[in-house]
């Protein structure tokens, strides 16, 4: 397995639902000490989004296009 493939498996994955939208990171369950600037993520388009700061992967339950908007 490549180094990039191994790294992507190690990243945390957070499953979210339509009630969690609009989605942002850091999310409310993350500890304050590990905070970074808040960034809003578009998870509705592809069903997944990756935080550019911490690498947390967010996955929309039900997949793309299932939001309430």
C-alpha atoms as a PDB file:
ATOM      1  CA  UNK A   1       0.000   0.000   0.000  1.00  0.00           C
ATOM      2  CA  UNK A   2       1.290   3.485  -0.833  1.00  0.00           C
ATOM      3  CA  UNK A   3       2.117   6.021   1.848  1.00  0.00           C
ATOM      4  CA  UNK A   4      -0.847   8.181   0.767  1.00  0.00           C
ATOM      5  CA  UNK A   5      -3.197   5.185   0.988  1.00  0.00           C
ATOM      6  CA  UNK A   6      -1.989   4.356   4.479  1.00  0.00           C
ATOM      7  CA  UNK A   7      -2.409   7.971   5.592  1.00  0.00           C
ATOM      8  CA  UNK A   8      -5.979   8.204   4.299  1.00  0.00           C
ATOM      9  CA  UNK A   9      -6.993   5.132   6.315  1.00  0.00           C
ATOM     10  CA  UNK A  10      -5.625   6.721   9.498  1.00  0.00           C
ATOM     11  CA  UNK A  11      -7.725   9.893   9.182  1.00  0.00           C
ATOM     12  CA  UNK A  12     -10.753  10.201  11.449  1.00  0.00           C
ATOM     13  CA  UNK A  13     -14.195   9.869   9.819  1.00  0.00           C
ATOM     14  CA  UNK A  14     -17.237  11.643  11.244  1.00  0.00           C
ATOM     15  CA  UNK A  15     -20.664  10.635   9.952  1.00  0.00           C
ATOM     16  CA  UNK A  16     -23.109  13.544   9.817  1.00  0.00           C
ATOM     17  CA  UNK A  17     -26.786  13.886   8.968  1.00  0.00           C
ATOM     18  CA  UNK A  18     -28.846  16.637   7.344  1.00  0.00           C
ATOM     19  CA  UNK A  19     -29.587  18.087  10.802  1.00  0.00           C
ATOM     20  CA  UNK A  20     -25.829  18.794  11.205  1.00  0.00           C
ATOM     21  CA  UNK A  21     -25.807  21.139   8.191  1.00  0.00           C
ATOM     22  CA  UNK A  22     -24.310  23.612   7.587  1.00  0.00           C
ATOM     23  CA  UNK A  23     -21.234  21.557   8.380  1.00  0.00           C
ATOM     24  CA  UNK A  24     -18.128  23.086   9.909  1.00  0.00           C
ATOM     25  CA  UNK A  25     -14.873  21.961  11.447  1.00  0.00           C
ATOM     26  CA  UNK A  26     -13.784  21.868  14.206  1.00  0.00           C
ATOM     27  CA  UNK A  27     -17.053  20.284  15.231  1.00  0.00           C
ATOM     28  CA  UNK A  28     -18.579  20.794  18.704  1.00  0.00           C
ATOM     29  CA  UNK A  29     -17.291  17.427  19.981  1.00  0.00           C
ATOM     30  CA  UNK A  30     -13.622  18.239  19.319  1.00  0.00           C
ATOM     31  CA  UNK A  31     -11.523  19.271  22.328  1.00  0.00           C
ATOM     32  CA  UNK A  32     -10.676  22.956  22.625  1.00  0.00           C
ATOM     33  CA  UNK A  33      -6.911  22.307  22.698  1.00  0.00           C
ATOM     34  CA  UNK A  34      -6.983  20.861  19.181  1.00  0.00           C
ATOM     35  CA  UNK A  35      -9.006  23.703  17.633  1.00  0.00           C
ATOM     36  CA  UNK A  36      -8.163  25.429  14.386  1.00  0.00           C
ATOM     37  CA  UNK A  37      -9.967  28.257  12.548  1.00  0.00           C
ATOM     38  CA  UNK A  38     -13.588  27.359  11.739  1.00  0.00           C
ATOM     39  CA  UNK A  39     -14.064  26.279   8.148  1.00  0.00           C
ATOM     40  CA  UNK A  40     -17.391  25.438   6.528  1.00  0.00           C
ATOM     41  CA  UNK A  41     -17.420  22.269   4.426  1.00  0.00           C
ATOM     42  CA  UNK A  42     -19.690  21.304   1.523  1.00  0.00           C
ATOM     43  CA  UNK A  43     -20.568  17.689   2.230  1.00  0.00           C
ATOM     44  CA  UNK A  44     -23.825  17.695   0.240  1.00  0.00           C
ATOM     45  CA  UNK A  45     -22.283  17.752  -3.241  1.00  0.00           C
ATOM     46  CA  UNK A  46     -20.169  14.570  -3.024  1.00  0.00           C
ATOM     47  CA  UNK A  47     -21.370  12.985   0.205  1.00  0.00           C
ATOM     48  CA  UNK A  48     -17.932  13.560   1.767  1.00  0.00           C
ATOM     49  CA  UNK A  49     -15.722  16.494   2.688  1.00  0.00           C
ATOM     50  CA  UNK A  50     -12.198  16.744   4.064  1.00  0.00           C
ATOM     51  CA  UNK A  51     -11.111  19.432   6.517  1.00  0.00           C
ATOM     52  CA  UNK A  52      -8.090  21.255   5.057  1.00  0.00           C
ATOM     53  CA  UNK A  53      -6.705  21.985   8.546  1.00  0.00           C
ATOM     54  CA  UNK A  54      -6.889  18.736  10.501  1.00  0.00           C
ATOM     55  CA  UNK A  55      -7.743  16.134   7.841  1.00  0.00           C
ATOM     56  CA  UNK A  56     -10.968  14.987   9.478  1.00  0.00           C
ATOM     57  CA  UNK A  57     -13.179  13.346   6.866  1.00  0.00           C
ATOM     58  CA  UNK A  58     -16.899  14.027   7.131  1.00  0.00           C
ATOM     59  CA  UNK A  59     -19.362  11.621   5.507  1.00  0.00           C
ATOM     60  CA  UNK A  60     -23.029  12.443   4.921  1.00  0.00           C
ATOM     61  CA  UNK A  61     -25.324   9.608   6.043  1.00  0.00           C
ATOM     62  CA  UNK A  62     -27.312   8.522   3.004  1.00  0.00           C
ATOM     63  CA  UNK A  63     -24.798   9.978   0.553  1.00  0.00           C
ATOM     64  CA  UNK A  64     -24.782  13.016  -1.697  1.00  0.00           C
ATOM     65  CA  UNK A  65     -27.925  14.913  -2.551  1.00  0.00           C
ATOM     66  CA  UNK A  66     -29.884  13.705   0.498  1.00  0.00           C
ATOM     67  CA  UNK A  67     -29.807  17.010   2.400  1.00  0.00           C
ATOM     68  CA  UNK A  68     -32.853  18.976   3.499  1.00  0.00           C
ATOM     69  CA  UNK A  69     -32.090  21.946   1.247  1.00  0.00           C
END
